[in-house]
Amino acid sequence: MTATTPAQHHLKQATTWFVALQSSCVDPEQRRQFERWLAASPLHRQAFSEVEQFWGNLDALKSADL
């Protein structure tokens, strides 16, 4: 079993939040929890931005004529 680095941990949290926020069932309390998590560390904001960028790249690949 390998240890998770802090960066991997933040990316995992960011990915979990990103997926949760895509749901039409996200409630105001979940949104507030996300905002608190995001504000808690610049590393959280950076990780979430990376997840958003990755997701955007996947959307671009889906729409590309290959």
PDB file of N, CA and C in Angstrom:
ATOM      1  N   MET A   1       0.843  -1.170   0.000  1.00  0.00           N
ATOM      2  CA  MET A   1       0.000   0.000   0.000  1.00  0.00           C
ATOM      3  C   MET A   1       0.896   1.244   0.000  1.00  0.00           C
ATOM      4  N   THR A   2       0.593   2.206  -0.846  1.00  0.00           N
ATOM      5  CA  THR A   2       1.412   3.408  -0.929  1.00  0.00           C
ATOM      6  C   THR A   2       0.734   4.563  -0.209  1.00  0.00           C
ATOM      7  N   ALA A   3       1.553   5.449   0.306  1.00  0.00           N
ATOM      8  CA  ALA A   3       1.030   6.624   0.999  1.00  0.00           C
ATOM      9  C   ALA A   3       0.566   7.656  -0.021  1.00  0.00           C
ATOM     10  N   THR A   4      -0.433   8.407   0.353  1.00  0.00           N
ATOM     11  CA  THR A   4      -0.950   9.472  -0.495  1.00  0.00           C
ATOM     12  C   THR A   4      -0.226  10.762  -0.161  1.00  0.00           C
ATOM     13  N   THR A   5       0.224  11.458  -1.185  1.00  0.00           N
ATOM     14  CA  THR A   5       0.877  12.744  -0.958  1.00  0.00           C
ATOM     15  C   THR A   5      -0.195  13.794  -0.657  1.00  0.00           C
ATOM     16  N   PRO A   6       0.197  14.916  -0.042  1.00  0.00           N
ATOM     17  CA  PRO A   6      -0.789  15.980   0.201  1.00  0.00           C
ATOM     18  C   PRO A   6      -1.455  16.456  -1.091  1.00  0.00           C
ATOM     19  N   ALA A   7      -0.678  16.579  -2.158  1.00  0.00           N
ATOM     20  CA  ALA A   7      -1.258  17.029  -3.429  1.00  0.00           C
ATOM     21  C   ALA A   7      -2.298  16.038  -3.941  1.00  0.00           C
ATOM     22  N   GLN A   8      -2.012  14.751  -3.823  1.00  0.00           N
ATOM     23  CA  GLN A   8      -2.972  13.729  -4.251  1.00  0.00           C
ATOM     24  C   GLN A   8      -4.229  13.787  -3.393  1.00  0.00           C
ATOM     25  N   HIS A   9      -4.039  14.018  -2.108  1.00  0.00           N
ATOM     26  CA  HIS A   9      -5.182  14.122  -1.194  1.00  0.00           C
ATOM     27  C   HIS A   9      -6.074  15.297  -1.585  1.00  0.00           C
ATOM     28  N   HIS A  10      -5.472  16.450  -1.873  1.00  0.00           N
ATOM     29  CA  HIS A  10      -6.252  17.629  -2.269  1.00  0.00           C
ATOM     30  C   HIS A  10      -6.969  17.385  -3.601  1.00  0.00           C
ATOM     31  N   LEU A  11      -6.290  16.730  -4.530  1.00  0.00           N
ATOM     32  CA  LEU A  11      -6.929  16.440  -5.814  1.00  0.00           C
ATOM     33  C   LEU A  11      -8.103  15.484  -5.641  1.00  0.00           C
ATOM     34  N   LYS A  12      -7.950  14.512  -4.757  1.00  0.00           N
ATOM     35  CA  LYS A  12      -9.048  13.583  -4.502  1.00  0.00           C
ATOM     36  C   LYS A  12     -10.243  14.328  -3.902  1.00  0.00           C
ATOM     37  N   GLN A  13      -9.980  15.199  -2.931  1.00  0.00           N
ATOM     38  CA  GLN A  13     -11.065  15.989  -2.343  1.00  0.00           C
ATOM     39  C   GLN A  13     -11.713  16.879  -3.401  1.00  0.00           C
ATOM     40  N   ALA A  14     -10.886  17.531  -4.214  1.00  0.00           N
ATOM     41  CA  ALA A  14     -11.403  18.426  -5.254  1.00  0.00           C
ATOM     42  C   ALA A  14     -12.266  17.664  -6.253  1.00  0.00           C
ATOM     43  N   THR A  15     -11.831  16.473  -6.610  1.00  0.00           N
ATOM     44  CA  THR A  15     -12.603  15.652  -7.547  1.00  0.00           C
ATOM     45  C   THR A  15     -13.945  15.252  -6.935  1.00  0.00           C
ATOM     46  N   THR A  16     -13.913  14.889  -5.670  1.00  0.00           N
ATOM     47  CA  THR A  16     -15.155  14.536  -4.976  1.00  0.00           C
ATOM     48  C   THR A  16     -16.106  15.719  -4.965  1.00  0.00           C
ATOM     49  N   TRP A  17     -15.590  16.917  -4.653  1.00  0.00           N
ATOM     50  CA  TRP A  17     -16.438  18.105  -4.662  1.00  0.00           C
ATOM     51  C   TRP A  17     -16.954  18.411  -6.071  1.00  0.00           C
ATOM     52  N   PHE A  18     -16.078  18.293  -7.059  1.00  0.00           N
ATOM     53  CA  PHE A  18     -16.486  18.600  -8.432  1.00  0.00           C
ATOM     54  C   PHE A  18     -17.647  17.712  -8.859  1.00  0.00           C
ATOM     55  N   VAL A  19     -17.527  16.431  -8.599  1.00  0.00           N
ATOM     56  CA  VAL A  19     -18.588  15.490  -8.977  1.00  0.00           C
ATOM     57  C   VAL A  19     -19.867  15.796  -8.206  1.00  0.00           C
ATOM     58  N   ALA A  20     -19.744  16.053  -6.915  1.00  0.00           N
ATOM     59  CA  ALA A  20     -20.928  16.349  -6.098  1.00  0.00           C
ATOM     60  C   ALA A  20     -21.639  17.598  -6.599  1.00  0.00           C
ATOM     61  N   LEU A  21     -20.872  18.608  -7.007  1.00  0.00           N
ATOM     62  CA  LEU A  21     -21.475  19.867  -7.444  1.00  0.00           C
ATOM     63  C   LEU A  21     -22.135  19.753  -8.821  1.00  0.00           C
ATOM     64  N   GLN A  22     -21.833  18.696  -9.556  1.00  0.00           N
ATOM     65  CA  GLN A  22     -22.469  18.485 -10.853  1.00  0.00           C
ATOM     66  C   GLN A  22     -23.898  17.976 -10.706  1.00  0.00           C
ATOM     67  N   SER A  23     -24.218  17.486  -9.533  1.00  0.00           N
ATOM     68  CA  SER A  23     -25.547  16.932  -9.269  1.00  0.00           C
ATOM     69  C   SER A  23     -26.597  18.030  -9.194  1.00  0.00           C
ATOM     70  N   SER A  24     -27.752  17.734  -9.724  1.00  0.00           N
ATOM     71  CA  SER A  24     -28.867  18.683  -9.599  1.00  0.00           C
ATOM     72  C   SER A  24     -29.456  18.644  -8.190  1.00  0.00           C
ATOM     73  N   CYS A  25     -28.991  17.708  -7.380  1.00  0.00           N
ATOM     74  CA  CYS A  25     -29.510  17.544  -6.014  1.00  0.00           C
ATOM     75  C   CYS A  25     -28.674  18.262  -4.960  1.00  0.00           C
ATOM     76  N   VAL A  26     -27.621  18.989  -5.381  1.00  0.00           N
ATOM     77  CA  VAL A  26     -26.775  19.670  -4.405  1.00  0.00           C
ATOM     78  C   VAL A  26     -27.615  20.717  -3.670  1.00  0.00           C
ATOM     79  N   ASP A  27     -27.527  20.697  -2.344  1.00  0.00           N
ATOM     80  CA  ASP A  27     -28.350  21.625  -1.565  1.00  0.00           C
ATOM     81  C   ASP A  27     -27.495  22.792  -1.067  1.00  0.00           C
ATOM     82  N   PRO A  28     -28.141  23.829  -0.564  1.00  0.00           N
ATOM     83  CA  PRO A  28     -27.402  25.021  -0.115  1.00  0.00           C
ATOM     84  C   PRO A  28     -26.352  24.718   0.959  1.00  0.00           C
ATOM     85  N   GLU A  29     -26.627  23.777   1.850  1.00  0.00           N
ATOM     86  CA  GLU A  29     -25.652  23.446   2.884  1.00  0.00           C
ATOM     87  C   GLU A  29     -24.412  22.799   2.276  1.00  0.00           C
ATOM     88  N   GLN A  30     -24.600  21.927   1.308  1.00  0.00           N
ATOM     89  CA  GLN A  30     -23.448  21.329   0.631  1.00  0.00           C
ATOM     90  C   GLN A  30     -22.633  22.409  -0.077  1.00  0.00           C
ATOM     91  N   ARG A  31     -23.320  23.350  -0.690  1.00  0.00           N
ATOM     92  CA  ARG A  31     -22.640  24.455  -1.375  1.00  0.00           C
ATOM     93  C   ARG A  31     -21.810  25.269  -0.367  1.00  0.00           C
ATOM     94  N   ARG A  32     -22.372  25.526   0.819  1.00  0.00           N
ATOM     95  CA  ARG A  32     -21.639  26.268   1.857  1.00  0.00           C
ATOM     96  C   ARG A  32     -20.429  25.466   2.332  1.00  0.00           C
ATOM     97  N   GLN A  33     -20.597  24.156   2.500  1.00  0.00           N
ATOM     98  CA  GLN A  33     -19.469  23.311   2.909  1.00  0.00           C
ATOM     99  C   GLN A  33     -18.351  23.366   1.868  1.00  0.00           C
ATOM    100  N   PHE A  34     -18.736  23.327   0.600  1.00  0.00           N
ATOM    101  CA  PHE A  34     -17.747  23.433  -0.471  1.00  0.00           C
ATOM    102  C   PHE A  34     -17.031  24.780  -0.403  1.00  0.00           C
ATOM    103  N   GLU A  35     -17.772  25.854  -0.244  1.00  0.00           N
ATOM    104  CA  GLU A  35     -17.170  27.189  -0.179  1.00  0.00           C
ATOM    105  C   GLU A  35     -16.201  27.288   0.994  1.00  0.00           C
ATOM    106  N   ARG A  36     -16.549  26.684   2.128  1.00  0.00           N
ATOM    107  CA  ARG A  36     -15.640  26.680   3.285  1.00  0.00           C
ATOM    108  C   ARG A  36     -14.382  25.872   2.980  1.00  0.00           C
ATOM    109  N   TRP A  37     -14.555  24.717   2.353  1.00  0.00           N
ATOM    110  CA  TRP A  37     -13.403  23.896   1.984  1.00  0.00           C
ATOM    111  C   TRP A  37     -12.510  24.669   1.021  1.00  0.00           C
ATOM    112  N   LEU A  38     -13.099  25.289   0.026  1.00  0.00           N
ATOM    113  CA  LEU A  38     -12.346  26.031  -0.979  1.00  0.00           C
ATOM    114  C   LEU A  38     -11.555  27.170  -0.331  1.00  0.00           C
ATOM    115  N   ALA A  39     -12.168  27.873   0.617  1.00  0.00           N
ATOM    116  CA  ALA A  39     -11.522  29.013   1.267  1.00  0.00           C
ATOM    117  C   ALA A  39     -10.483  28.598   2.313  1.00  0.00           C
ATOM    118  N   ALA A  40     -10.496  27.361   2.726  1.00  0.00           N
ATOM    119  CA  ALA A  40      -9.615  26.909   3.807  1.00  0.00           C
ATOM    120  C   ALA A  40      -8.143  26.878   3.411  1.00  0.00           C
ATOM    121  N   SER A  41      -7.863  26.762   2.127  1.00  0.00           N
ATOM    122  CA  SER A  41      -6.465  26.663   1.702  1.00  0.00           C
ATOM    123  C   SER A  41      -6.327  27.043   0.229  1.00  0.00           C
ATOM    124  N   PRO A  42      -5.274  27.761  -0.100  1.00  0.00           N
ATOM    125  CA  PRO A  42      -5.009  28.022  -1.519  1.00  0.00           C
ATOM    126  C   PRO A  42      -4.764  26.728  -2.294  1.00  0.00           C
ATOM    127  N   LEU A  43      -4.296  25.703  -1.595  1.00  0.00           N
ATOM    128  CA  LEU A  43      -4.075  24.414  -2.252  1.00  0.00           C
ATOM    129  C   LEU A  43      -5.395  23.773  -2.671  1.00  0.00           C
ATOM    130  N   HIS A  44      -6.456  24.011  -1.903  1.00  0.00           N
ATOM    131  CA  HIS A  44      -7.777  23.501  -2.281  1.00  0.00           C
ATOM    132  C   HIS A  44      -8.235  24.182  -3.563  1.00  0.00           C
ATOM    133  N   ARG A  45      -8.086  25.501  -3.607  1.00  0.00           N
ATOM    134  CA  ARG A  45      -8.505  26.257  -4.801  1.00  0.00           C
ATOM    135  C   ARG A  45      -7.711  25.797  -6.027  1.00  0.00           C
ATOM    136  N   GLN A  46      -6.411  25.593  -5.847  1.00  0.00           N
ATOM    137  CA  GLN A  46      -5.563  25.139  -6.955  1.00  0.00           C
ATOM    138  C   GLN A  46      -5.987  23.747  -7.430  1.00  0.00           C
ATOM    139  N   ALA A  47      -6.228  22.849  -6.494  1.00  0.00           N
ATOM    140  CA  ALA A  47      -6.636  21.486  -6.863  1.00  0.00           C
ATOM    141  C   ALA A  47      -7.971  21.501  -7.585  1.00  0.00           C
ATOM    142  N   PHE A  48      -8.919  22.312  -7.095  1.00  0.00           N
ATOM    143  CA  PHE A  48     -10.224  22.365  -7.746  1.00  0.00           C
ATOM    144  C   PHE A  48     -10.095  22.933  -9.161  1.00  0.00           C
ATOM    145  N   SER A  49      -9.255  23.929  -9.315  1.00  0.00           N
ATOM    146  CA  SER A  49      -9.014  24.501 -10.638  1.00  0.00           C
ATOM    147  C   SER A  49      -8.430  23.454 -11.592  1.00  0.00           C
ATOM    148  N   GLU A  50      -7.524  22.632 -11.092  1.00  0.00           N
ATOM    149  CA  GLU A  50      -6.942  21.571 -11.915  1.00  0.00           C
ATOM    150  C   GLU A  50      -7.999  20.557 -12.344  1.00  0.00           C
ATOM    151  N   VAL A  51      -8.890  20.215 -11.442  1.00  0.00           N
ATOM    152  CA  VAL A  51      -9.965  19.273 -11.773  1.00  0.00           C
ATOM    153  C   VAL A  51     -10.884  19.884 -12.833  1.00  0.00           C
ATOM    154  N   GLU A  52     -11.238  21.158 -12.653  1.00  0.00           N
ATOM    155  CA  GLU A  52     -12.083  21.827 -13.652  1.00  0.00           C
ATOM    156  C   GLU A  52     -11.410  21.849 -15.025  1.00  0.00           C
ATOM    157  N   GLN A  53     -10.127  22.155 -15.030  1.00  0.00           N
ATOM    158  CA  GLN A  53      -9.387  22.209 -16.291  1.00  0.00           C
ATOM    159  C   GLN A  53      -9.343  20.830 -16.943  1.00  0.00           C
ATOM    160  N   PHE A  54      -9.070  19.810 -16.158  1.00  0.00           N
ATOM    161  CA  PHE A  54      -9.037  18.445 -16.678  1.00  0.00           C
ATOM    162  C   PHE A  54     -10.389  18.070 -17.282  1.00  0.00           C
ATOM    163  N   TRP A  55     -11.470  18.388 -16.568  1.00  0.00           N
ATOM    164  CA  TRP A  55     -12.806  18.083 -17.050  1.00  0.00           C
ATOM    165  C   TRP A  55     -13.090  18.809 -18.362  1.00  0.00           C
ATOM    166  N   GLY A  56     -12.674  20.076 -18.428  1.00  0.00           N
ATOM    167  CA  GLY A  56     -12.846  20.847 -19.662  1.00  0.00           C
ATOM    168  C   GLY A  56     -12.090  20.228 -20.816  1.00  0.00           C
ATOM    169  N   ASN A  57     -10.895  19.717 -20.545  1.00  0.00           N
ATOM    170  CA  ASN A  57     -10.121  19.043 -21.588  1.00  0.00           C
ATOM    171  C   ASN A  57     -10.827  17.778 -22.061  1.00  0.00           C
ATOM    172  N   LEU A  58     -11.467  17.067 -21.149  1.00  0.00           N
ATOM    173  CA  LEU A  58     -12.225  15.871 -21.543  1.00  0.00           C
ATOM    174  C   LEU A  58     -13.395  16.251 -22.443  1.00  0.00           C
ATOM    175  N   ASP A  59     -14.074  17.359 -22.105  1.00  0.00           N
ATOM    176  CA  ASP A  59     -15.178  17.827 -22.954  1.00  0.00           C
ATOM    177  C   ASP A  59     -14.672  18.170 -24.362  1.00  0.00           C
ATOM    178  N   ALA A  60     -13.508  18.781 -24.443  1.00  0.00           N
ATOM    179  CA  ALA A  60     -12.935  19.128 -25.742  1.00  0.00           C
ATOM    180  C   ALA A  60     -12.613  17.866 -26.533  1.00  0.00           C
ATOM    181  N   LEU A  61     -12.112  16.852 -25.857  1.00  0.00           N
ATOM    182  CA  LEU A  61     -11.807  15.594 -26.551  1.00  0.00           C
ATOM    183  C   LEU A  61     -13.081  14.915 -27.054  1.00  0.00           C
ATOM    184  N   LYS A  62     -14.153  14.984 -26.259  1.00  0.00           N
ATOM    185  CA  LYS A  62     -15.417  14.360 -26.670  1.00  0.00           C
ATOM    186  C   LYS A  62     -15.955  15.006 -27.945  1.00  0.00           C
ATOM    187  N   SER A  63     -15.743  16.311 -28.096  1.00  0.00           N
ATOM    188  CA  SER A  63     -16.323  17.000 -29.228  1.00  0.00           C
ATOM    189  C   SER A  63     -15.375  17.067 -30.419  1.00  0.00           C
ATOM    190  N   ALA A  64     -14.152  16.588 -30.270  1.00  0.00           N
ATOM    191  CA  ALA A  64     -13.173  16.636 -31.366  1.00  0.00           C
ATOM    192  C   ALA A  64     -13.497  15.566 -32.403  1.00  0.00           C
ATOM    193  N   ASP A  65     -13.270  15.917 -33.661  1.00  0.00           N
ATOM    194  CA  ASP A  65     -13.411  14.941 -34.744  1.00  0.00           C
ATOM    195  C   ASP A  65     -12.125  14.124 -34.804  1.00  0.00           C
ATOM    196  N   LEU A  66     -12.198  12.899 -34.352  1.00  0.00           N
ATOM    197  CA  LEU A  66     -11.020  12.020 -34.355  1.00  0.00           C
ATOM    198  C   LEU A  66     -11.106  11.012 -35.456  1.00  0.00           C
TER     199      LEU A  66
END
